[in-house]
N, C-alpha and C. Protein backbone atom coordinates (compact mmCIF):
# COMPACT_ATOMS: atom_id res chain seq x y z
N MET A 1 5.76 3.31 1.64
CA MET A 1 5.05 2.41 1.42
C MET A 1 4.80 1.79 1.57
N LYS A 2 3.25 0.64 1.01
CA LYS A 2 2.68 0.46 1.59
C LYS A 2 2.73 -1.62 1.33
N LEU A 3 1.75 -1.77 2.20
CA LEU A 3 1.58 -3.83 2.53
C LEU A 3 0.81 -4.01 0.96
N ILE A 4 1.49 -4.74 0.14
CA ILE A 4 0.53 -4.78 -0.51
C ILE A 4 -0.26 -6.77 -0.87
N THR A 5 -1.14 -7.01 -0.43
CA THR A 5 -1.30 -8.26 -0.97
C THR A 5 -1.84 -8.66 -2.14
N GLU A 6 -1.32 -10.05 -2.76
CA GLU A 6 -2.63 -10.28 -3.64
C GLU A 6 -3.06 -11.79 -3.60
N THR A 7 -4.22 -12.16 -4.31
CA THR A 7 -4.47 -13.69 -4.07
C THR A 7 -4.88 -13.90 -4.87
N ILE A 8 -4.48 -15.50 -4.98
CA ILE A 8 -4.64 -16.59 -6.39
C ILE A 8 -5.31 -17.77 -5.67
N GLU A 9 -6.58 -18.03 -6.14
CA GLU A 9 -7.28 -18.94 -5.85
C GLU A 9 -7.02 -20.50 -6.00
N ASP A 10 -6.78 -20.76 -7.33
CA ASP A 10 -6.39 -22.17 -7.58
C ASP A 10 -4.74 -22.81 -7.68
N ILE A 11 -4.99 -23.48 -6.47
CA ILE A 11 -3.80 -24.11 -6.25
C ILE A 11 -4.08 -25.99 -6.52
N ASN A 12 -2.83 -26.85 -6.76
CA ASN A 12 -2.64 -27.36 -6.48
C ASN A 12 -1.88 -28.49 -5.85
N LEU A 13 -2.37 -29.64 -4.80
CA LEU A 13 -1.77 -30.14 -3.92
C LEU A 13 -0.87 -31.58 -4.72
N ILE A 14 -0.14 -31.76 -4.24
CA ILE A 14 1.38 -32.38 -4.54
C ILE A 14 1.69 -33.69 -3.35
N CYS A 15 1.55 -34.67 -3.50
CA CYS A 15 2.30 -35.62 -2.77
C CYS A 15 3.01 -36.28 -3.00
N GLU A 16 4.35 -36.47 -3.22
CA GLU A 16 5.73 -37.18 -3.23
C GLU A 16 5.86 -37.69 -2.31
N ASP A 17 6.23 -39.72 -2.89
CA ASP A 17 6.55 -40.28 -1.46
C ASP A 17 8.08 -40.22 -1.44
N LEU A 18 8.74 -40.19 -0.34
CA LEU A 18 10.57 -40.43 0.23
C LEU A 18 10.47 -41.85 0.43
N GLU A 19 10.98 -42.43 -0.49
CA GLU A 19 11.19 -44.07 -0.54
C GLU A 19 12.23 -44.78 0.50
N GLU A 20 13.47 -43.34 0.51
CA GLU A 20 14.19 -44.23 2.00
C GLU A 20 13.57 -44.77 3.13
N SER A 21 12.57 -43.26 3.55
CA SER A 21 11.94 -43.31 4.46
C SER A 21 10.62 -43.71 4.48
N GLY A 22 9.83 -43.85 3.65
CA GLY A 22 8.49 -44.16 3.55
C GLY A 22 7.63 -43.37 4.26
N LYS A 23 7.76 -41.62 3.93
CA LYS A 23 7.13 -40.81 4.28
C LYS A 23 6.75 -40.17 3.13
N LYS A 24 5.39 -39.18 3.35
CA LYS A 24 4.81 -38.28 2.13
C LYS A 24 5.85 -37.10 2.52
N SER A 25 6.09 -36.15 1.24
CA SER A 25 5.65 -34.94 1.35
C SER A 25 5.06 -34.60 1.00
N TYR A 26 4.43 -33.12 1.15
CA TYR A 26 2.93 -32.51 0.45
C TYR A 26 3.82 -31.51 -0.02
N TYR A 27 3.40 -31.10 -1.34
CA TYR A 27 3.65 -29.25 -1.98
C TYR A 27 2.23 -28.95 -2.31
N ILE A 28 2.34 -27.64 -2.18
CA ILE A 28 1.35 -27.20 -2.99
C ILE A 28 2.06 -26.27 -4.19
N GLU A 29 1.22 -26.24 -5.41
CA GLU A 29 1.77 -25.69 -6.72
C GLU A 29 0.97 -25.04 -7.55
N GLY A 30 1.13 -23.96 -8.21
CA GLY A 30 0.24 -23.23 -8.72
C GLY A 30 0.82 -22.02 -9.43
N VAL A 31 0.73 -20.93 -9.66
CA VAL A 31 0.58 -19.28 -9.88
C VAL A 31 0.50 -18.57 -9.04
N PHE A 32 1.83 -18.23 -9.09
CA PHE A 32 2.17 -17.69 -6.87
C PHE A 32 1.87 -15.97 -7.90
N LEU A 33 2.03 -15.34 -8.80
CA LEU A 33 2.65 -14.10 -9.10
C LEU A 33 1.59 -13.59 -10.73
N GLN A 34 1.21 -12.75 -11.18
CA GLN A 34 1.45 -12.36 -12.41
C GLN A 34 1.56 -10.86 -12.41
N GLY A 35 1.93 -10.94 -14.02
CA GLY A 35 1.74 -9.63 -14.17
C GLY A 35 1.36 -8.89 -15.48
N ASP A 36 1.59 -8.17 -16.02
CA ASP A 36 0.78 -7.15 -17.08
C ASP A 36 -0.72 -7.67 -17.49
N ILE A 37 -1.01 -7.45 -16.35
CA ILE A 37 -2.74 -7.27 -16.19
C ILE A 37 -3.36 -6.69 -14.98
N LYS A 38 -4.27 -6.19 -15.13
CA LYS A 38 -5.00 -5.68 -13.76
C LYS A 38 -5.38 -6.85 -13.50
N ASN A 39 -5.64 -6.69 -12.24
CA ASN A 39 -5.96 -7.50 -11.06
C ASN A 39 -7.22 -7.40 -10.69
N ARG A 40 -7.85 -8.36 -10.01
CA ARG A 40 -9.51 -7.81 -8.79
C ARG A 40 -9.24 -6.81 -8.32
N ASN A 41 -8.03 -6.04 -7.87
CA ASN A 41 -7.86 -5.46 -6.89
C ASN A 41 -7.71 -3.98 -7.49
N GLY A 42 -7.90 -4.03 -8.83
CA GLY A 42 -7.37 -2.97 -8.98
C GLY A 42 -5.74 -2.26 -9.83
N ARG A 43 -4.84 -3.51 -9.40
CA ARG A 43 -3.38 -3.24 -9.48
C ARG A 43 -3.20 -4.14 -11.06
N TYR A 44 -2.10 -3.25 -10.97
CA TYR A 44 -1.16 -3.87 -12.26
C TYR A 44 0.40 -4.31 -11.70
N TYR A 45 0.59 -5.04 -11.94
CA TYR A 45 2.08 -5.55 -11.69
C TYR A 45 3.00 -5.80 -13.29
N PRO A 46 3.97 -4.33 -13.56
CA PRO A 46 4.80 -4.70 -14.98
C PRO A 46 5.25 -5.97 -14.62
N SER A 47 5.60 -6.70 -15.56
CA SER A 47 6.56 -7.96 -15.89
C SER A 47 7.88 -7.67 -15.12
N ASP A 48 8.48 -6.77 -15.52
CA ASP A 48 9.69 -6.14 -15.76
C ASP A 48 9.66 -6.50 -14.11
N VAL A 49 8.59 -5.34 -13.41
CA VAL A 49 9.29 -5.01 -11.68
C VAL A 49 9.23 -6.86 -11.34
N LEU A 50 8.13 -7.63 -11.78
CA LEU A 50 8.29 -8.61 -11.07
C LEU A 50 9.08 -9.69 -11.49
N SER A 51 9.79 -9.59 -13.09
CA SER A 51 10.93 -10.27 -12.87
C SER A 51 11.83 -10.05 -12.06
N LYS A 52 12.38 -8.66 -11.59
CA LYS A 52 13.29 -8.64 -11.47
C LYS A 52 13.37 -8.79 -9.62
N GLU A 53 12.42 -8.48 -9.35
CA GLU A 53 12.10 -8.51 -7.86
C GLU A 53 12.04 -10.24 -7.42
N VAL A 54 11.67 -11.03 -8.77
CA VAL A 54 11.19 -12.48 -8.21
C VAL A 54 12.31 -13.11 -8.34
N ASP A 55 13.52 -12.16 -9.14
CA ASP A 55 15.47 -12.79 -8.93
C ASP A 55 15.96 -12.55 -7.74
N LYS A 56 15.80 -11.83 -7.55
CA LYS A 56 16.27 -11.48 -6.32
C LYS A 56 15.95 -12.59 -5.06
N TYR A 57 14.35 -12.33 -4.77
CA TYR A 57 13.67 -13.20 -4.06
C TYR A 57 14.29 -14.86 -4.01
N SER A 58 14.87 -15.18 -5.39
CA SER A 58 14.68 -16.45 -5.51
C SER A 58 16.46 -16.73 -4.90
N GLU A 59 17.23 -15.33 -4.98
CA GLU A 59 18.52 -15.81 -5.16
C GLU A 59 18.61 -15.40 -2.92
N SER A 60 18.30 -15.00 -2.95
CA SER A 60 18.19 -14.61 -1.27
C SER A 60 17.69 -14.94 -0.61
N PHE A 61 16.60 -15.94 -1.12
CA PHE A 61 15.52 -16.61 -0.56
C PHE A 61 15.55 -18.51 -0.61
N ILE A 62 14.83 -18.35 -1.48
CA ILE A 62 14.40 -19.72 -2.17
C ILE A 62 15.52 -20.46 -2.52
N ASN A 63 16.93 -19.75 -3.04
CA ASN A 63 17.87 -20.45 -3.05
C ASN A 63 18.44 -20.88 -1.99
N LYS A 64 18.56 -20.56 -0.95
CA LYS A 64 18.97 -20.99 0.75
C LYS A 64 18.15 -20.82 1.82
N GLY A 65 16.92 -21.67 0.87
CA GLY A 65 16.04 -22.62 2.00
C GLY A 65 15.17 -21.22 2.75
N ARG A 66 15.68 -20.20 2.84
CA ARG A 66 14.74 -19.41 3.65
C ARG A 66 13.94 -18.55 3.24
N ALA A 67 12.97 -19.25 2.00
CA ALA A 67 11.61 -18.51 1.84
C ALA A 67 10.68 -19.41 2.57
N LEU A 68 10.02 -18.51 3.72
CA LEU A 68 8.92 -18.80 4.64
C LEU A 68 7.40 -18.34 3.70
N GLY A 69 6.77 -19.09 3.93
CA GLY A 69 5.60 -18.56 3.58
C GLY A 69 4.38 -19.37 5.40
N GLU A 70 3.41 -18.32 5.46
CA GLU A 70 2.23 -18.61 6.57
C GLU A 70 0.77 -18.83 6.02
N LEU A 71 0.54 -19.60 7.52
CA LEU A 71 -0.72 -20.15 7.19
C LEU A 71 -1.73 -19.15 7.89
N GLY A 72 -2.67 -18.11 6.81
CA GLY A 72 -3.46 -17.33 7.12
C GLY A 72 -2.94 -16.02 7.08
N HIS A 73 -3.98 -15.06 7.47
CA HIS A 73 -3.48 -13.98 6.45
C HIS A 73 -2.92 -12.58 7.61
N PRO A 74 -1.08 -12.59 7.28
CA PRO A 74 -1.01 -11.45 7.78
C PRO A 74 -0.75 -10.16 7.81
N GLU A 75 -0.75 -9.00 8.98
CA GLU A 75 -1.41 -7.93 9.07
C GLU A 75 -0.12 -7.20 8.14
N GLY A 76 1.33 -7.86 8.35
CA GLY A 76 2.64 -6.79 8.30
C GLY A 76 3.33 -7.87 7.08
N PRO A 77 4.31 -7.20 6.85
CA PRO A 77 5.36 -7.48 6.14
C PRO A 77 6.59 -8.60 6.54
N THR A 78 6.48 -8.87 8.14
CA THR A 78 7.24 -9.72 8.36
C THR A 78 6.90 -11.36 7.99
N ILE A 79 7.81 -12.15 8.61
CA ILE A 79 7.44 -13.61 8.67
C ILE A 79 7.58 -13.78 9.84
N ASN A 80 6.46 -14.53 10.98
CA ASN A 80 6.08 -14.89 11.94
C ASN A 80 6.13 -16.25 11.81
N LEU A 81 7.53 -16.42 12.99
CA LEU A 81 8.18 -17.73 12.48
C LEU A 81 7.12 -18.93 13.42
N ASP A 82 6.21 -18.47 14.47
CA ASP A 82 5.54 -18.68 14.63
C ASP A 82 4.08 -19.89 14.11
N ARG A 83 3.93 -18.95 13.04
CA ARG A 83 2.79 -19.54 12.06
C ARG A 83 3.82 -19.58 11.00
N VAL A 84 4.72 -20.47 10.84
CA VAL A 84 5.27 -20.58 9.50
C VAL A 84 4.44 -22.14 9.31
N SER A 85 3.87 -22.38 7.35
CA SER A 85 3.42 -23.53 7.72
C SER A 85 4.05 -23.80 6.44
N HIS A 86 5.29 -23.23 5.93
CA HIS A 86 5.93 -23.95 4.17
C HIS A 86 6.79 -23.45 4.12
N LYS A 87 7.78 -23.99 3.13
CA LYS A 87 9.06 -23.63 2.56
C LYS A 87 8.91 -23.14 0.64
N ILE A 88 9.15 -21.95 0.52
CA ILE A 88 8.93 -22.54 -1.23
C ILE A 88 10.28 -22.75 -2.04
N VAL A 89 9.80 -23.50 -2.84
CA VAL A 89 11.47 -24.51 -3.42
C VAL A 89 11.17 -23.99 -4.70
N SER A 90 10.76 -23.44 -5.21
CA SER A 90 10.89 -22.51 -6.69
C SER A 90 10.11 -21.98 -7.11
N LEU A 91 10.32 -20.88 -7.68
CA LEU A 91 9.09 -20.15 -8.13
C LEU A 91 9.96 -19.72 -9.90
N LYS A 92 9.04 -20.12 -10.72
CA LYS A 92 9.64 -19.84 -12.13
C LYS A 92 8.86 -19.37 -12.80
N LYS A 93 9.16 -17.86 -14.25
CA LYS A 93 8.23 -17.15 -14.85
C LYS A 93 7.59 -18.14 -16.40
N GLU A 94 6.27 -18.17 -15.85
CA GLU A 94 6.19 -18.46 -17.60
C GLU A 94 4.88 -17.71 -18.27
N GLY A 95 5.41 -17.12 -18.96
CA GLY A 95 4.75 -15.93 -19.86
C GLY A 95 4.70 -15.13 -18.95
N ASN A 96 3.50 -14.31 -18.66
CA ASN A 96 3.42 -13.42 -17.90
C ASN A 96 3.26 -13.72 -16.40
N ASN A 97 2.88 -15.67 -15.74
CA ASN A 97 2.64 -15.27 -14.79
C ASN A 97 4.43 -15.82 -13.72
N PHE A 98 3.87 -16.54 -12.81
CA PHE A 98 5.03 -17.03 -12.13
C PHE A 98 4.57 -18.08 -11.40
N VAL A 99 4.70 -19.00 -11.40
CA VAL A 99 4.39 -20.60 -10.99
C VAL A 99 5.66 -20.79 -10.03
N GLY A 100 5.02 -21.10 -8.83
CA GLY A 100 5.60 -21.53 -7.59
C GLY A 100 5.39 -22.76 -7.12
N LYS A 101 6.30 -23.37 -6.02
CA LYS A 101 5.68 -25.12 -5.55
C LYS A 101 6.86 -24.48 -3.88
N ALA A 102 5.96 -25.13 -3.58
CA ALA A 102 6.15 -24.84 -1.73
C ALA A 102 5.84 -26.36 -0.74
N LYS A 103 6.90 -26.39 -0.49
CA LYS A 103 6.50 -28.28 0.27
C LYS A 103 6.27 -27.15 1.67
N LEU A 104 4.90 -28.15 1.85
CA LEU A 104 4.53 -28.28 2.99
C LEU A 104 5.63 -28.38 4.40
N LEU A 105 5.53 -27.84 6.03
CA LEU A 105 6.58 -27.92 6.77
C LEU A 105 5.17 -29.44 7.57
N GLU A 106 6.84 -29.56 8.91
CA GLU A 106 6.04 -30.54 9.95
C GLU A 106 6.00 -29.85 10.70
N THR A 107 6.12 -28.36 10.55
CA THR A 107 5.11 -27.42 12.08
C THR A 107 3.71 -27.48 11.87
N PRO A 108 3.61 -26.54 13.40
CA PRO A 108 2.22 -27.09 13.83
C PRO A 108 0.89 -26.78 12.79
N MET A 109 1.53 -24.91 12.33
CA MET A 109 0.59 -24.39 11.05
C MET A 109 0.33 -25.22 9.39
N GLY A 110 2.05 -26.01 9.51
CA GLY A 110 1.64 -26.85 7.79
C GLY A 110 1.17 -27.72 8.33
N LYS A 111 0.92 -28.65 8.99
CA LYS A 111 0.42 -29.96 9.19
C LYS A 111 -1.54 -29.19 9.16
N ILE A 112 -1.66 -28.14 9.92
CA ILE A 112 -3.13 -28.40 9.84
C ILE A 112 -3.27 -27.82 8.05
N ALA A 113 -2.56 -27.21 7.69
CA ALA A 113 -2.64 -26.76 6.14
C ALA A 113 -2.89 -28.03 5.52
N SER A 114 -2.09 -28.78 5.66
CA SER A 114 -2.36 -30.84 5.32
C SER A 114 -3.30 -31.01 5.13
N SER A 115 -3.63 -31.17 6.73
CA SER A 115 -5.03 -31.63 6.96
C SER A 115 -6.66 -30.94 6.22
N LEU A 116 -5.85 -29.83 6.19
CA LEU A 116 -7.25 -29.29 5.00
C LEU A 116 -7.39 -29.48 4.06
N LEU A 117 -6.11 -29.19 3.32
CA LEU A 117 -6.10 -29.77 1.92
C LEU A 117 -6.55 -31.49 1.58
N ASN A 118 -6.29 -31.78 2.67
CA ASN A 118 -6.04 -33.10 2.03
C ASN A 118 -7.71 -33.72 2.17
N GLU A 119 -8.84 -32.55 3.37
CA GLU A 119 -9.61 -33.26 3.71
C GLU A 119 -10.74 -32.27 2.75
N GLY A 120 -9.76 -31.71 1.42
CA GLY A 120 -10.64 -31.17 0.04
C GLY A 120 -10.62 -29.55 0.63
N VAL A 121 -10.38 -28.92 1.72
CA VAL A 121 -11.22 -27.57 1.41
C VAL A 121 -10.20 -26.99 0.88
N LYS A 122 -11.06 -25.93 -0.12
CA LYS A 122 -10.50 -25.35 -0.93
C LYS A 122 -10.07 -24.26 -0.57
N LEU A 123 -8.06 -23.53 -0.02
CA LEU A 123 -7.31 -22.40 -0.36
C LEU A 123 -6.48 -22.34 -0.89
N GLY A 124 -6.17 -20.97 -1.20
CA GLY A 124 -5.19 -20.01 -2.11
C GLY A 124 -3.94 -19.43 -1.62
N VAL A 125 -3.67 -18.82 -2.03
CA VAL A 125 -2.25 -18.25 -1.96
C VAL A 125 -2.04 -16.95 -2.17
N SER A 126 -1.82 -16.05 -1.23
CA SER A 126 -1.55 -14.58 -1.57
C SER A 126 -0.33 -14.35 -0.97
N SER A 127 0.54 -13.47 -2.04
CA SER A 127 1.77 -13.01 -1.89
C SER A 127 1.40 -11.28 -1.23
N ARG A 128 2.51 -11.41 -0.90
CA ARG A 128 2.87 -10.51 0.44
C ARG A 128 4.01 -9.57 0.14
N GLY A 129 4.04 -8.62 -0.37
CA GLY A 129 4.97 -7.28 -0.58
C GLY A 129 5.25 -6.08 -0.04
N MET A 130 5.97 -5.60 -0.04
CA MET A 130 5.79 -3.91 -0.29
C MET A 130 6.15 -2.89 -1.47
N GLY A 131 5.47 -1.65 -1.60
CA GLY A 131 6.20 -1.25 -2.86
C GLY A 131 5.07 -0.02 -3.07
N SER A 132 5.17 1.16 -3.84
CA SER A 132 5.01 2.47 -4.23
C SER A 132 3.80 1.92 -4.82
N LEU A 133 2.41 2.77 -5.16
CA LEU A 133 1.76 2.40 -6.46
C LEU A 133 1.57 3.83 -6.94
N GLU A 134 1.42 4.36 -8.23
CA GLU A 134 1.15 5.11 -8.89
C GLU A 134 -0.29 4.82 -9.99
N LEU A 135 -1.37 5.94 -9.72
CA LEU A 135 -2.52 5.64 -10.32
C LEU A 135 -2.75 6.30 -11.86
N ARG A 136 -3.03 5.09 -12.21
CA ARG A 136 -2.89 5.86 -14.25
C ARG A 136 -4.42 5.02 -14.57
N ASN A 137 -5.39 6.66 -14.90
CA ASN A 137 -6.92 6.02 -15.77
C ASN A 137 -7.51 4.96 -14.50
N GLY A 138 -7.22 5.32 -13.43
CA GLY A 138 -7.78 4.46 -12.45
C GLY A 138 -7.65 2.98 -12.74
N VAL A 139 -6.10 2.61 -12.70
CA VAL A 139 -5.62 2.04 -12.05
C VAL A 139 -4.24 1.86 -11.12
N SER A 140 -4.01 1.14 -10.27
CA SER A 140 -2.59 1.20 -9.47
C SER A 140 -1.52 0.53 -9.94
N TYR A 141 -0.55 0.79 -10.46
CA TYR A 141 0.51 0.27 -11.72
C TYR A 141 1.78 0.41 -9.86
N VAL A 142 1.76 -0.99 -9.82
CA VAL A 142 3.10 -0.64 -8.75
C VAL A 142 4.47 -0.71 -9.29
N LYS A 143 5.22 0.11 -8.82
CA LYS A 143 6.11 1.01 -9.13
C LYS A 143 7.43 0.09 -8.64
N ASN A 144 8.64 0.40 -9.21
CA ASN A 144 10.03 -0.07 -9.21
C ASN A 144 10.20 -0.77 -7.65
N ASP A 145 10.05 -0.33 -7.78
CA ASP A 145 10.33 -0.42 -5.54
C ASP A 145 9.81 -1.45 -5.08
N PHE A 146 9.16 -1.86 -5.30
CA PHE A 146 8.34 -2.95 -5.13
C PHE A 146 9.42 -4.00 -4.74
N MET A 147 9.07 -4.89 -3.05
CA MET A 147 9.81 -5.73 -3.09
C MET A 147 9.04 -7.28 -2.30
N LEU A 148 9.56 -8.25 -2.80
CA LEU A 148 8.42 -9.53 -2.39
C LEU A 148 8.74 -9.92 -0.60
N ALA A 149 8.17 -10.09 0.32
CA ALA A 149 8.70 -10.27 1.80
C ALA A 149 7.70 -12.00 1.83
N THR A 150 7.00 -12.48 1.06
CA THR A 150 6.91 -13.71 0.29
C THR A 150 6.18 -14.09 -0.38
N ALA A 151 6.32 -14.80 -1.52
CA ALA A 151 5.29 -15.01 -2.49
C ALA A 151 4.15 -15.94 -2.52
N ALA A 152 4.01 -16.68 -0.74
CA ALA A 152 2.87 -17.53 -1.26
C ALA A 152 2.67 -17.94 0.38
N ASP A 153 1.70 -16.80 1.02
CA ASP A 153 0.93 -16.94 1.83
C ASP A 153 0.34 -18.00 2.32
N ILE A 154 -0.39 -18.53 2.82
CA ILE A 154 -1.69 -19.86 2.05
C ILE A 154 -2.67 -19.37 3.54
N VAL A 155 -3.87 -19.31 2.65
CA VAL A 155 -5.21 -18.20 2.70
C VAL A 155 -6.55 -18.95 2.40
N ALA A 156 -7.23 -19.72 3.47
CA ALA A 156 -8.73 -19.72 3.57
C ALA A 156 -9.44 -18.80 2.61
N ASP A 157 -10.63 -18.56 2.29
CA ASP A 157 -11.69 -18.11 1.92
C ASP A 157 -11.12 -17.05 1.46
N PRO A 158 -10.49 -17.52 0.02
CA PRO A 158 -9.64 -16.47 -0.99
C PRO A 158 -10.24 -15.26 -1.45
N SER A 159 -11.80 -15.67 -1.47
CA SER A 159 -12.82 -14.68 -2.17
C SER A 159 -12.74 -12.69 -1.16
N ALA A 160 -12.24 -12.74 -0.08
CA ALA A 160 -12.50 -12.14 1.12
C ALA A 160 -13.47 -11.58 1.03
N PRO A 161 -14.96 -12.49 1.41
CA PRO A 161 -15.88 -11.69 1.57
C PRO A 161 -15.84 -10.56 2.27
N ASP A 162 -15.01 -9.84 3.56
CA ASP A 162 -15.13 -8.72 4.19
C ASP A 162 -14.41 -7.68 3.79
N ALA A 163 -14.21 -7.51 2.14
CA ALA A 163 -13.81 -6.44 1.76
C ALA A 163 -13.46 -5.33 2.47
N PHE A 164 -14.21 -4.49 3.30
CA PHE A 164 -13.14 -3.68 4.31
C PHE A 164 -12.24 -3.86 5.16
N VAL A 165 -12.96 -4.81 6.11
CA VAL A 165 -12.05 -5.20 6.77
C VAL A 165 -10.49 -5.25 6.23
N GLU A 166 -10.44 -6.20 5.34
CA GLU A 166 -9.20 -6.71 4.65
C GLU A 166 -8.59 -5.75 3.54
N GLY A 167 -9.15 -4.99 3.09
CA GLY A 167 -8.59 -3.95 2.33
C GLY A 167 -8.05 -2.17 3.57
N ILE A 168 -8.45 -2.25 4.83
CA ILE A 168 -8.39 -1.21 5.57
C ILE A 168 -7.28 -1.81 6.08
N MET A 169 -6.59 -3.23 6.52
CA MET A 169 -5.45 -3.29 7.15
C MET A 169 -4.61 -3.36 5.76
N GLU A 170 -4.98 -4.01 4.15
CA GLU A 170 -3.75 -3.77 3.30
C GLU A 170 -3.13 -2.19 3.71
N GLY A 171 -3.81 -1.51 3.44
CA GLY A 171 -4.20 0.46 3.16
C GLY A 171 -3.07 0.37 4.65
N LYS A 172 -3.12 -0.15 5.19
CA LYS A 172 -1.53 0.34 6.28
C LYS A 172 -0.41 0.70 5.32
N GLU A 173 -0.25 2.39 5.96
CA GLU A 173 1.42 2.25 5.55
C GLU A 173 2.66 2.06 6.40
N TRP A 174 3.76 1.82 5.93
CA TRP A 174 4.71 1.23 6.25
C TRP A 174 5.99 2.10 5.93
N ILE A 175 7.29 2.79 6.54
CA ILE A 175 8.65 3.33 5.99
C ILE A 175 9.34 2.95 6.71
N TRP A 176 10.27 2.77 5.69
CA TRP A 176 11.61 1.92 5.94
C TRP A 176 12.23 2.86 6.60
N GLU A 177 12.85 2.48 7.59
CA GLU A 177 13.81 3.72 8.71
C GLU A 177 14.36 2.80 9.66
N SER A 178 15.60 3.10 8.40
CA SER A 178 17.35 2.37 9.42
C SER A 178 16.98 1.22 9.65
N GLY A 179 16.54 0.65 7.90
CA GLY A 179 16.21 -1.00 8.59
C GLY A 179 15.54 -1.50 9.03
N VAL A 180 14.10 -0.87 9.69
CA VAL A 180 13.48 -1.12 10.12
C VAL A 180 12.29 -0.61 9.59
N LEU A 181 11.18 -1.56 9.24
CA LEU A 181 9.72 -0.97 9.17
C LEU A 181 8.93 -0.93 10.35
N ARG A 182 8.05 -0.16 10.16
CA ARG A 182 7.25 1.51 11.13
C ARG A 182 5.84 1.75 10.70
N GLU A 183 5.52 1.03 11.45
CA GLU A 183 3.94 0.79 11.04
C GLU A 183 2.89 2.67 11.37
N VAL A 184 2.79 2.67 10.71
CA VAL A 184 1.79 4.39 10.56
C VAL A 184 0.82 4.45 10.75
N GLN A 185 -0.19 4.11 10.87
CA GLN A 185 -1.25 3.99 11.39
C GLN A 185 -2.33 3.01 11.19
N ILE A 186 -3.63 2.96 11.40
CA ILE A 186 -4.58 2.01 11.18
C ILE A 186 -4.17 0.75 12.57
N GLU A 187 -3.28 0.75 13.63
CA GLU A 187 -3.52 0.15 14.17
C GLU A 187 -4.87 0.28 15.37
N GLN A 188 -5.46 1.41 15.85
CA GLN A 188 -6.56 1.60 17.03
C GLN A 188 -7.17 0.98 15.88
N ILE A 189 -7.62 1.24 14.94
CA ILE A 189 -9.06 0.83 14.03
C ILE A 189 -8.87 -0.56 14.25
N LYS A 190 -7.91 -1.51 13.62
CA LYS A 190 -7.85 -3.28 14.02
C LYS A 190 -7.87 -3.06 15.55
N ARG A 191 -7.96 -2.92 16.43
CA ARG A 191 -7.50 -3.47 17.57
C ARG A 191 -9.41 -3.51 18.51
N SER A 192 -9.63 -2.12 17.34
CA SER A 192 -11.48 -1.62 17.82
C SER A 192 -12.27 -2.75 16.72
N ILE A 193 -11.91 -2.99 16.12
CA ILE A 193 -12.46 -4.62 15.05
C ILE A 193 -12.48 -5.92 15.62
N ASN A 194 -10.96 -6.15 15.76
CA ASN A 194 -10.59 -7.53 16.94
C ASN A 194 -11.25 -7.60 17.89
N THR A 195 -11.80 -6.42 18.52
CA THR A 195 -11.96 -6.65 20.14
C THR A 195 -13.36 -6.93 20.34
N ALA A 196 -14.31 -6.26 19.13
CA ALA A 196 -15.83 -5.86 19.13
C ALA A 196 -16.62 -7.53 19.46
N SER A 197 -17.47 -7.60 20.60
CA SER A 197 -18.49 -8.59 19.61
C SER A 197 -18.57 -8.96 18.26
N ARG A 198 -19.82 -10.05 19.09
CA ARG A 198 -20.63 -10.58 17.55
C ARG A 198 -21.86 -8.92 17.30
N VAL A 199 -21.89 -9.00 18.57
CA VAL A 199 -23.05 -7.69 18.28
C VAL A 199 -22.98 -6.47 18.07
N GLU A 200 -21.52 -6.31 18.64
CA GLU A 200 -21.26 -4.59 18.21
C GLU A 200 -20.04 -4.09 16.88
N LEU A 201 -20.37 -5.47 16.28
CA LEU A 201 -18.83 -5.48 14.95
C LEU A 201 -19.11 -4.76 13.86
N GLU A 202 -20.81 -4.51 13.70
CA GLU A 202 -21.32 -3.84 12.26
C GLU A 202 -21.26 -2.32 12.50
N GLU A 203 -21.84 -1.94 14.02
CA GLU A 203 -21.40 -0.53 14.32
C GLU A 203 -19.70 -0.29 14.73
N LYS A 204 -19.17 -1.19 15.17
CA LYS A 204 -17.57 -0.85 14.99
C LYS A 204 -17.06 -0.69 13.77
N LYS A 205 -17.56 -1.30 12.70
CA LYS A 205 -17.17 -1.00 11.65
C LYS A 205 -17.22 -0.03 10.74
N ILE A 206 -18.69 0.30 10.91
CA ILE A 206 -19.16 1.65 10.38
C ILE A 206 -18.21 2.53 11.17
N ARG A 207 -18.25 2.93 12.42
CA ARG A 207 -17.83 3.56 12.82
C ARG A 207 -15.87 3.84 12.75
N ALA A 208 -15.71 3.06 12.17
CA ALA A 208 -14.14 2.79 11.93
C ALA A 208 -13.99 2.94 10.79
N PHE A 209 -14.61 3.02 10.07
CA PHE A 209 -14.75 3.67 8.43
C PHE A 209 -15.05 5.01 8.68
N GLU A 210 -16.16 5.67 9.24
CA GLU A 210 -16.06 7.11 9.10
C GLU A 210 -14.52 7.81 9.75
N ASN A 211 -13.88 7.03 10.64
CA ASN A 211 -12.78 7.77 11.26
C ASN A 211 -11.98 7.33 10.00
N PHE A 212 -12.05 6.45 9.39
CA PHE A 212 -10.68 6.04 8.51
C PHE A 212 -11.18 7.43 7.61
N LEU A 213 -12.03 7.42 6.86
CA LEU A 213 -12.40 8.51 6.03
C LEU A 213 -11.86 10.14 6.43
N ARG A 214 -12.11 10.35 7.71
CA ARG A 214 -12.01 11.92 8.04
C ARG A 214 -10.67 12.16 8.02
N ALA A 215 -9.59 10.47 8.41
CA ALA A 215 -7.94 10.88 8.05
C ALA A 215 -7.55 11.28 7.10
N LEU A 216 -8.42 11.14 6.27
CA LEU A 216 -7.52 10.25 4.82
C LEU A 216 -7.12 12.51 4.45
């Protein structure tokens, strides 16, 4: 199974006053998932696949107050509690889209996200899941085994200018083995890039790319 992430750039910030305490609660709202369309990553999510998984995700996580998301672009499918910034409170189908709403939490990462949004910084949301892909006529179709890890992480710079680094991290293989997800490859490449100095970065990216191609 592959780790699959998809980014959507437009989200709205909502402020709600709590009358009893006088505090304000902040929410983000917008399209979190899109079905029946080829996205810019060349992937296609059939609506029936998304609907089935959103129903499961809503029942197991949203309805039980356990649907969390992180600030940043995590490299694996698990939720890192030290980076949680928000709780997803609703996810509803509207046409081929799934519109979500998430409450920004009073965690360190939640406060950072709130401050950035209040200062007018453009942020996006990135769904994160696992599944198999089937290539048809140049389009990667997400198969019926798709599982949502979270409907929305909050990400900066949604346009992802460093496509190679993001793409190679996305391309990691994961195996569901006795209830545990095991990473198969790419860790060495990731470590090489993350530890490179600014001077070494471009050279290490090229070398990592060559090594990656040789391993295919």
